[in-house]
Every structure is written in structure tokens, then in C-alpha cells.
Amino acid sequence: MKAVHFGAGNIGRGFIGAILQQSGYEVTFIDVNDEVIDRLNQDGKYEVVLADETKESFVVNGVNGINSKENPVAAAAAVAEADIVTASVGPHVLPFIAPVIAKGLSERQAGVSVNVIACENMIGGSDQLKEEVEKHLSPEDAERVFAQAGFPNSAVDRIVPIQHHDNPLTIEVERYFEWVIETTGLKGEQPVLKGALFVENLVPFIERKLLTVNTGHASIAYNGLLKGYKTVKEAMDDPEMIHLLEGVLEETSIFLTGKFDLDKSEHQTYVKKIIERYRNPYISDGLDRVGRAPLRKLSAGDRLTYPAVGLSNHVEPVNLEKTIAAALRFNITEDPEAVQLQEWIKQDGPAAALEKASGIEAGSEMSNRIIGYYQQSN
């Protein structure tokens, strides 16, 4: 069996690519990083190390790579022959891989189904990728392609810390992972993927992960940076940070269990597991990296504004509002979104910048509370 995975980065090699290989697939990674692609073709394997006290490791064999920038024809041909196509390139990069996927799908043998799964930290990633692919197909080709190509949405969760190794292919990941795939978008037989969970309705799993793992991470990053911390570990050693984190996740828990009728006891077990993952000293990450892309993280459907607004008619989401205020202070010059956010604040003031980023109306009760916290943090 053949798998094509777009994105030979940390998640691609340490998570999705590893599962594909363990599930019996020969994996072709498609990327534009010359060093990584050349090394994949040279070695045909790489090592994955578990980020805990055991330092257990395993080798992912039978892999190769294609540089889609230098050889888009070969990349499309690989898609045309694949039994499954996956991607972990980042939400903003999906439009750039779509042309190659569209060409590859249009060249596939008639009647041979395939599933294309976007493994991104976003809601509806495969839906978005399908929309981008359709832009590069004629109406006739689109009808034929989508009749045999499924785009099931998925939710993924695995923390990969910042790391440096002598071998650029070696990757260290946490032991825990979750890959949930929605069956309604599948075409043909359900693929065999070791450790993946297939469900009829993905939405509760996506939102549970987004509003627990990602919201929690954002709380640690933005509030930790305000106190001068540089890493997740430093922030998690501060009882005040943990108290605020627990408050944030209590608020998102109220939102989630109310919206999806989740079992409250089971959800609390999940929340505790997530907090323990943050405590793992082997996967401590830099807070500036965790907090990057603040405009996306403040946007209306994302990890901070979405639950805060959803709760506001029932309870005052104090901890989420404090975290939103802290996000307005995120000022990392290497991050284009942070630079843009600070320019908006400088030009129009924090309330107007907040409205532009999140949709929270300037002058509203929520906006006034957030700006109050923002001013207190100065």
C-alpha cells in the first residue's frame, strides 16, 4: 500500500507518517525542504524518540521524498498512485498544495477510490482542502474526481517540542496522541490506520481538543509571557499560572459539556490528562512559539473568543477574558500576525484592534472587561 503525506516536518514525520508506516504503508513525503527531502531519499528511514523519561525509540522505514516545488509532476504522479493522501502543512499552506493534489486526483484510474485527509490544527481542514482543490479542476473533472476521492475531516493531537538533532530526520514526540477521523466523508473502504479512531460525528472531538488542548496552551503562553516566563515548564512551575489555567479550562468545560452533552466526569478526566501533559518537562516548548499567530487564535471561531462569547450569556468568562487581554500584549517581532496586531493597537487603540481581530464589538460589556484587564497588565 502507498501513502502520500504532504509536509515532512515534525508532525508529518513524528505523528502521521509514523502511523502510516506502522499501518503497512510505504510513505512518500512531499515537501519543499531540500535538506529533509534529500535525506529521506538518502536514508530511506528515520528515528522517532518518545519525549519522556524512557527515551524509547523506533525506526520508520520504507520512506522517500519528493520536492513538489522542483518536481510537481512527480508529486502529482505519487498522488495518482496513492492508496491514501494526508497533509500536515499548516492551515495557511493548504492552498499551495492544492494544485498538485488536484492534478494527481484528476490523473487517477477511474473507479479507484482514495481518501485525502488534512491533519491540521483547525476545524474542517479537509473541507477547506477540498475547496482549494476544486479551484484547480474544471466542473467536469471535479465531478469525476470527487465521485471517487473522499475528504474526511479529522482531529489530531500530539505535542512535538522544539528540538535539534545531528540527524535532521530524527524527531522527538510525546507518547500520547489522538487521531480522530469522520467516517461520513470517506470514500471506498475505511483505511486501516493504527491507533486512529473513526467516528460518525467529528465536531465534539474537534471542539473538545481545540477548547482544551489549544485553549489551555494559549492560556499558558499569553499569561506566562506577561509574567516574564520563556517556556511552558517555567509557567507550569508557577501555582498562579496553574490556577488561571484551571479556571480557563473550567470555563471551556462548561461550554463543551453544555453544547455536546458530554459526560462531565469523563471530560474532567480528559482535562486532568491534558494538564499533566503540559507538566511533562520533556516536551516543554517556548511560549513565544506557542503563542504565535495571535490573530488566528483570537478570531471568532477559534480557541479563545469562541468559548468566551458562547458562555457570555450564562456566566462571565473571567479567565478566558484575562487570556484574551494577555493575547493583545503578544508582541513578538518575528511573528507577522503579532506585528499586525500591535500596529492595529497603536493606530486605533486596543478595543478597536480587539474588534478587528475577534469580532468582539468595541464598547460592549465583554470588550470593556477585556480592555480593563489589558490596561491592568501594562
Protein backbone atom coordinates (compact mmCIF):
# COMPACT_ATOMS: atom_id res chain seq x y z
CA MET A 1 0.00 0.00 0.00
CA LYS A 2 1.17 3.51 -0.81
CA ALA A 3 0.62 6.67 1.20
CA VAL A 4 1.47 10.25 0.27
CA HIS A 5 1.91 12.77 3.06
CA PHE A 6 2.26 16.49 2.40
CA GLY A 7 4.54 18.07 4.99
CA ALA A 8 7.75 16.39 6.14
CA GLY A 9 8.01 18.48 9.28
CA ASN A 10 7.76 17.45 12.90
CA ILE A 11 4.09 16.41 12.87
CA GLY A 12 4.44 14.81 9.45
CA ARG A 13 7.36 12.59 10.42
CA GLY A 14 6.72 12.18 14.13
CA PHE A 15 2.97 11.56 14.02
CA ILE A 16 1.10 10.95 10.78
CA GLY A 17 3.94 9.50 8.73
CA ALA A 18 4.89 7.15 11.55
CA ILE A 19 1.32 5.87 11.91
CA LEU A 20 1.02 5.36 8.16
CA GLN A 21 4.22 3.30 8.10
CA GLN A 22 3.17 1.28 11.15
CA SER A 23 -0.14 0.62 9.39
CA GLY A 24 1.62 -1.03 6.46
CA TYR A 25 2.01 1.85 4.01
CA GLU A 26 5.09 2.87 2.06
CA VAL A 27 5.23 6.60 2.75
CA THR A 28 6.20 9.31 0.28
CA PHE A 29 6.67 12.69 1.91
CA ILE A 30 6.07 15.75 -0.25
CA ASP A 31 7.69 18.99 0.89
CA VAL A 32 9.79 21.90 -0.37
CA ASN A 33 12.60 21.50 2.19
CA ASP A 34 15.61 20.32 0.18
CA GLU A 35 17.60 19.09 3.16
CA VAL A 36 14.81 16.93 4.55
CA ILE A 37 13.72 15.51 1.18
CA ASP A 38 17.30 14.69 0.15
CA ARG A 39 17.98 12.98 3.47
CA LEU A 40 14.76 10.96 3.27
CA ASN A 41 15.81 9.68 -0.14
CA GLN A 42 19.35 9.01 1.05
CA ASP A 43 18.47 7.13 4.25
CA GLY A 44 15.01 5.72 3.47
CA LYS A 45 14.27 5.78 7.21
CA TYR A 46 14.31 7.95 10.33
CA GLU A 47 14.12 7.58 14.10
CA VAL A 48 11.26 8.67 16.35
CA VAL A 49 12.08 9.18 20.05
CA LEU A 50 9.42 9.35 22.75
CA ALA A 51 9.71 12.50 24.84
CA ASP A 52 9.63 11.09 28.34
CA GLU A 53 12.00 9.58 30.90
CA THR A 54 12.20 6.29 28.98
CA LYS A 55 13.56 7.84 25.74
CA GLU A 56 12.19 4.80 23.90
CA SER A 57 12.60 5.00 20.14
CA PHE A 58 11.59 3.25 16.95
CA VAL A 59 12.61 3.45 13.30
CA VAL A 60 10.24 4.42 10.50
CA ASN A 61 11.37 2.53 7.41
CA GLY A 62 10.35 2.48 3.77
CA VAL A 63 10.07 6.25 3.30
CA ASN A 64 11.10 8.59 0.50
CA GLY A 65 10.51 12.18 -0.50
CA ILE A 66 9.60 14.44 -3.42
CA ASN A 67 10.25 18.17 -3.62
CA SER A 68 6.96 19.47 -5.02
CA LYS A 69 8.48 22.82 -5.95
CA GLU A 70 11.23 21.26 -8.05
CA ASN A 71 9.24 18.29 -9.34
CA PRO A 72 5.48 18.90 -9.24
CA VAL A 73 4.90 16.29 -11.95
CA ALA A 74 6.40 13.53 -9.79
CA ALA A 75 4.45 14.77 -6.79
CA ALA A 76 1.17 14.63 -8.72
CA ALA A 77 2.04 11.18 -10.05
CA ALA A 78 2.54 9.96 -6.48
CA VAL A 79 -0.92 11.24 -5.56
CA ALA A 80 -2.36 9.50 -8.60
CA GLU A 81 -1.00 6.15 -7.37
CA ALA A 82 -1.60 6.56 -3.64
CA ASP A 83 -3.99 4.49 -1.54
CA ILE A 84 -4.30 7.37 0.93
CA VAL A 85 -3.23 11.04 0.93
CA THR A 86 -2.67 13.04 4.12
CA ALA A 87 -1.37 16.50 4.93
CA SER A 88 0.04 18.40 7.90
CA VAL A 89 1.36 21.62 6.41
CA GLY A 90 -0.47 24.28 8.41
CA PRO A 91 -3.84 25.84 7.53
CA HIS A 92 -2.29 28.69 5.53
CA VAL A 93 -0.36 26.30 3.29
CA LEU A 94 -3.33 24.21 2.16
CA PRO A 95 -3.96 26.43 -0.90
CA PHE A 96 -0.36 25.87 -2.03
CA ILE A 97 -0.54 22.06 -2.03
CA ALA A 98 -3.97 22.01 -3.68
CA PRO A 99 -2.77 22.28 -7.31
CA VAL A 100 -0.58 19.18 -7.01
CA ILE A 101 -3.36 17.24 -5.29
CA ALA A 102 -5.87 18.32 -7.92
CA LYS A 103 -3.60 17.22 -10.75
CA GLY A 104 -2.86 13.91 -9.06
CA LEU A 105 -6.52 13.15 -8.35
CA SER A 106 -7.51 14.01 -11.92
CA GLU A 107 -4.93 11.50 -13.21
CA ARG A 108 -6.16 8.61 -11.07
CA GLN A 109 -7.57 5.46 -12.61
CA ALA A 110 -11.34 5.62 -12.89
CA GLY A 111 -13.22 3.81 -10.15
CA VAL A 112 -10.27 3.61 -7.75
CA SER A 113 -11.23 5.44 -4.57
CA VAL A 114 -8.87 7.36 -2.31
CA ASN A 115 -9.22 9.48 0.81
CA VAL A 116 -7.47 12.81 1.31
CA ILE A 117 -7.19 13.76 4.98
CA ALA A 118 -6.00 17.15 6.24
CA CYS A 119 -4.40 16.61 9.65
CA GLU A 120 -4.37 20.23 10.70
CA ASN A 121 -4.97 22.13 13.90
CA MET A 122 -8.24 23.57 12.65
CA ILE A 123 -11.94 22.86 12.27
CA GLY A 124 -12.95 21.47 8.86
CA GLY A 125 -9.43 21.13 7.49
CA SER A 126 -10.31 18.53 4.86
CA ASP A 127 -13.35 20.55 3.79
CA GLN A 128 -11.12 23.55 3.23
CA LEU A 129 -8.56 21.50 1.34
CA LYS A 130 -11.33 20.12 -0.90
CA GLU A 131 -12.49 23.67 -1.67
CA GLU A 132 -8.94 24.64 -2.62
CA VAL A 133 -8.53 21.54 -4.80
CA GLU A 134 -11.81 22.28 -6.60
CA LYS A 135 -10.44 25.67 -7.69
CA HIS A 136 -7.95 23.82 -9.89
CA LEU A 137 -10.45 21.50 -11.56
CA SER A 138 -12.96 22.06 -14.33
CA PRO A 139 -16.58 21.33 -13.36
CA GLU A 140 -16.43 18.09 -15.31
CA ASP A 141 -13.17 16.99 -13.70
CA ALA A 142 -14.41 18.00 -10.24
CA GLU A 143 -17.49 15.82 -10.59
CA ARG A 144 -15.38 12.85 -11.63
CA VAL A 145 -12.66 13.42 -9.02
CA PHE A 146 -14.96 13.89 -6.06
CA ALA A 147 -17.01 10.85 -7.01
CA GLN A 148 -14.05 8.69 -6.02
CA ALA A 149 -11.98 10.94 -3.72
CA GLY A 150 -13.18 11.41 -0.15
CA PHE A 151 -12.13 14.32 2.05
CA PRO A 152 -12.99 13.19 5.60
CA ASN A 153 -12.33 15.76 8.32
CA SER A 154 -10.05 14.79 11.17
CA ALA A 155 -8.81 16.00 14.54
CA VAL A 156 -5.20 15.45 15.56
CA ASP A 157 -3.40 15.90 18.83
CA ARG A 158 0.26 15.28 19.63
CA ILE A 159 2.75 17.72 21.14
CA VAL A 160 6.11 17.94 19.41
CA PRO A 161 8.68 20.05 21.30
CA ILE A 162 11.31 22.34 19.80
CA GLN A 163 14.38 20.20 19.23
CA HIS A 164 17.71 19.88 17.47
CA HIS A 165 19.41 16.66 16.39
CA ASP A 166 22.57 15.81 14.47
CA ASN A 167 20.40 13.87 12.03
CA PRO A 168 17.78 16.32 10.68
CA LEU A 169 15.27 13.48 10.29
CA THR A 170 15.30 12.36 13.93
CA ILE A 171 12.16 13.56 15.68
CA GLU A 172 11.09 13.54 19.33
CA VAL A 173 7.37 13.41 20.19
CA GLU A 174 5.24 12.85 23.25
CA ARG A 175 3.92 9.33 23.80
CA TYR A 176 0.26 10.47 23.80
CA PHE A 177 -1.54 11.01 20.51
CA GLU A 178 -5.10 11.21 19.21
CA TRP A 179 -6.19 10.99 15.55
CA VAL A 180 -9.96 11.05 15.06
CA ILE A 181 -11.43 10.72 11.54
CA GLU A 182 -15.03 11.33 10.49
CA THR A 183 -16.48 8.38 8.57
CA THR A 184 -19.13 10.40 6.73
CA GLY A 185 -16.53 11.86 4.39
CA LEU A 186 -14.88 8.57 3.47
CA LYS A 187 -14.95 7.02 0.01
CA GLY A 188 -14.46 3.29 -0.51
CA GLU A 189 -13.25 1.05 2.28
CA GLN A 190 -12.29 2.54 5.62
CA PRO A 191 -8.49 2.74 5.69
CA VAL A 192 -6.59 0.76 8.32
CA LEU A 193 -4.72 3.29 10.48
CA LYS A 194 -3.13 2.01 13.67
CA GLY A 195 -4.40 3.90 16.71
CA ALA A 196 -6.82 6.13 14.78
CA LEU A 197 -10.43 6.47 15.92
CA PHE A 198 -13.21 6.62 13.33
CA VAL A 199 -16.44 8.37 14.36
CA GLU A 200 -19.66 9.44 12.65
CA ASN A 201 -19.63 12.97 14.09
CA LEU A 202 -16.26 14.64 14.49
CA VAL A 203 -17.42 18.01 15.77
CA PRO A 204 -17.44 17.16 19.51
CA PHE A 205 -13.92 15.72 19.25
CA ILE A 206 -12.57 18.70 17.32
CA GLU A 207 -14.06 21.24 19.69
CA ARG A 208 -13.09 19.24 22.78
CA LYS A 209 -9.48 19.22 21.60
CA LEU A 210 -9.46 22.82 20.35
CA LEU A 211 -11.06 24.23 23.50
CA THR A 212 -9.00 22.14 25.91
CA VAL A 213 -5.55 21.44 24.48
CA ASN A 214 -5.24 24.56 22.34
CA THR A 215 -7.07 26.95 24.65
CA GLY A 216 -5.01 25.68 27.56
CA HIS A 217 -1.79 26.10 25.63
CA ALA A 218 -2.80 29.66 24.71
CA SER A 219 -3.52 30.44 28.36
CA ILE A 220 -0.08 29.25 29.40
CA ALA A 221 1.62 31.16 26.58
CA TYR A 222 -0.04 34.55 26.77
CA ASN A 223 -0.36 34.74 30.56
CA GLY A 224 3.08 33.22 31.09
CA LEU A 225 4.75 35.77 28.82
CA LEU A 226 3.15 38.57 30.85
CA LYS A 227 4.99 37.25 33.91
CA GLY A 228 8.28 37.03 32.06
CA TYR A 229 8.42 33.27 31.55
CA LYS A 230 10.00 31.83 28.43
CA THR A 231 8.91 28.18 28.41
CA VAL A 232 5.84 26.10 29.21
CA LYS A 233 7.78 24.40 32.03
CA GLU A 234 8.62 27.72 33.69
CA ALA A 235 4.96 28.79 33.54
CA MET A 236 3.72 25.43 34.83
CA ASP A 237 6.02 25.72 37.86
CA ASP A 238 4.02 28.80 38.95
CA PRO A 239 0.91 27.97 41.04
CA GLU A 240 -0.73 31.21 39.88
CA MET A 241 -0.39 30.13 36.25
CA ILE A 242 -1.87 26.72 37.02
CA HIS A 243 -4.78 28.33 38.88
CA LEU A 244 -5.52 30.55 35.87
CA LEU A 245 -5.16 27.59 33.50
CA GLU A 246 -7.59 25.54 35.56
CA GLY A 247 -10.02 28.47 35.52
CA VAL A 248 -9.81 28.74 31.74
CA LEU A 249 -10.42 25.01 31.29
CA GLU A 250 -13.28 25.07 33.78
CA GLU A 251 -14.96 27.69 31.60
CA THR A 252 -14.39 25.77 28.37
CA SER A 253 -15.63 22.63 30.13
CA ILE A 254 -18.91 24.36 30.98
CA PHE A 255 -19.23 25.39 27.35
CA LEU A 256 -18.36 21.95 25.92
CA THR A 257 -20.42 19.79 28.27
CA GLY A 258 -23.39 22.08 27.72
CA LYS A 259 -23.13 22.17 23.95
CA PHE A 260 -22.44 18.48 23.35
CA ASP A 261 -23.96 16.87 26.44
CA LEU A 262 -20.59 15.28 27.27
CA ASP A 263 -20.25 13.17 30.39
CA LYS A 264 -18.88 15.67 32.93
CA SER A 265 -16.84 13.11 34.84
CA GLU A 266 -15.21 11.73 31.69
CA HIS A 267 -14.50 15.23 30.46
CA GLN A 268 -12.81 16.18 33.73
CA THR A 269 -10.60 13.12 33.42
CA TYR A 270 -9.66 14.34 29.94
CA VAL A 271 -8.89 17.84 31.26
CA LYS A 272 -6.66 16.46 34.01
CA LYS A 273 -4.78 14.37 31.45
CA ILE A 274 -4.20 17.46 29.32
CA ILE A 275 -2.84 19.44 32.27
CA GLU A 276 -0.46 16.59 33.10
CA ARG A 277 0.77 16.66 29.51
CA TYR A 278 1.67 20.33 29.95
CA ARG A 279 3.72 19.36 33.02
CA ASN A 280 5.90 16.96 31.03
CA PRO A 281 9.39 18.57 31.21
CA TYR A 282 10.47 16.65 28.10
CA ILE A 283 8.02 18.48 25.84
CA SER A 284 8.36 21.99 27.25
CA ASP A 285 8.07 24.50 24.43
CA GLY A 286 8.89 28.17 24.06
CA LEU A 287 5.97 30.43 24.95
CA ASP A 288 6.69 32.72 22.00
CA ARG A 289 6.24 29.75 19.66
CA VAL A 290 3.09 28.51 21.41
CA GLY A 291 1.56 31.97 21.21
CA ARG A 292 2.42 32.68 17.59
CA ALA A 293 -0.32 33.66 15.11
CA PRO A 294 -2.38 35.64 17.66
CA LEU A 295 -4.84 36.94 15.05
CA ARG A 296 -5.88 33.40 14.17
CA LYS A 297 -6.07 32.42 17.83
CA LEU A 298 -8.18 35.48 18.66
CA SER A 299 -10.52 35.03 15.69
CA ALA A 300 -14.23 34.46 16.21
CA GLY A 301 -14.28 30.70 15.68
CA ASP A 302 -11.07 29.86 17.46
CA ARG A 303 -9.87 28.79 20.91
CA LEU A 304 -10.37 31.97 22.96
CA THR A 305 -13.13 34.17 21.54
CA TYR A 306 -15.43 31.31 20.52
CA PRO A 307 -15.94 29.80 24.01
CA ALA A 308 -15.87 33.21 25.72
CA VAL A 309 -18.66 34.59 23.56
CA GLY A 310 -20.57 31.31 23.78
CA LEU A 311 -20.51 31.45 27.58
CA SER A 312 -21.18 35.15 27.99
CA ASN A 313 -24.98 34.82 28.14
CA HIS A 314 -24.74 32.36 31.03
CA VAL A 315 -21.59 33.16 33.01
CA GLU A 316 -18.89 35.80 32.95
CA PRO A 317 -15.84 34.03 31.45
CA VAL A 318 -13.30 35.87 33.60
CA ASN A 319 -10.32 33.62 32.92
CA LEU A 320 -10.88 33.48 29.17
CA GLU A 321 -11.26 37.26 29.08
CA LYS A 322 -7.99 37.69 31.00
CA THR A 323 -6.29 35.40 28.49
CA ILE A 324 -7.71 37.37 25.55
CA ALA A 325 -6.37 40.54 27.17
CA ALA A 326 -2.96 38.89 27.58
CA ALA A 327 -3.03 37.87 23.90
CA LEU A 328 -3.39 41.56 22.98
CA ARG A 329 0.01 42.06 24.66
CA PHE A 330 1.70 39.43 22.48
CA ASN A 331 4.49 41.36 20.81
CA ILE A 332 7.00 39.14 19.03
CA THR A 333 8.62 40.96 16.13
CA GLU A 334 9.38 37.71 14.28
CA ASP A 335 5.64 36.92 14.06
CA PRO A 336 3.84 38.84 11.26
CA GLU A 337 0.45 38.46 12.98
CA ALA A 338 1.84 39.85 16.24
CA VAL A 339 3.31 42.80 14.36
CA GLN A 340 -0.04 43.43 12.65
CA LEU A 341 -1.91 43.22 15.95
CA GLN A 342 0.39 45.74 17.62
CA GLU A 343 0.07 48.09 14.65
CA TRP A 344 -3.72 47.99 14.99
CA ILE A 345 -3.47 48.74 18.70
CA LYS A 346 -1.09 51.62 18.08
CA GLN A 347 -3.23 53.11 15.31
CA ASP A 348 -6.76 52.59 16.62
CA GLY A 349 -6.48 51.53 20.26
CA PRO A 350 -6.90 48.12 21.90
CA ALA A 351 -10.71 47.99 21.76
CA ALA A 352 -10.80 48.59 18.01
CA ALA A 353 -7.95 46.12 17.48
CA LEU A 354 -9.80 43.53 19.54
CA GLU A 355 -12.94 44.01 17.46
CA LYS A 356 -10.97 43.69 14.22
CA ALA A 357 -9.23 40.53 15.40
CA SER A 358 -12.09 38.79 17.19
CA GLY A 359 -15.38 40.41 16.28
CA ILE A 360 -16.00 41.38 19.92
CA GLU A 361 -17.68 44.74 19.49
CA ALA A 362 -15.86 47.73 20.93
CA GLY A 363 -17.89 49.26 23.74
CA SER A 364 -19.69 46.00 24.58
CA GLU A 365 -19.61 44.73 28.15
CA MET A 366 -17.22 41.94 27.21
CA SER A 367 -14.91 44.29 25.33
CA ASN A 368 -14.87 46.73 28.25
CA ARG A 369 -13.94 43.97 30.70
CA ILE A 370 -11.17 42.66 28.41
CA ILE A 371 -9.73 46.13 27.87
CA GLY A 372 -9.83 46.65 31.65
CA TYR A 373 -7.70 43.53 32.11
CA TYR A 374 -5.46 44.67 29.27
CA GLN A 375 -4.82 48.01 30.94
CA GLN A 376 -4.15 46.35 34.29
CA SER A 377 -1.45 44.20 32.68
CA ASN A 378 0.56 47.18 31.48
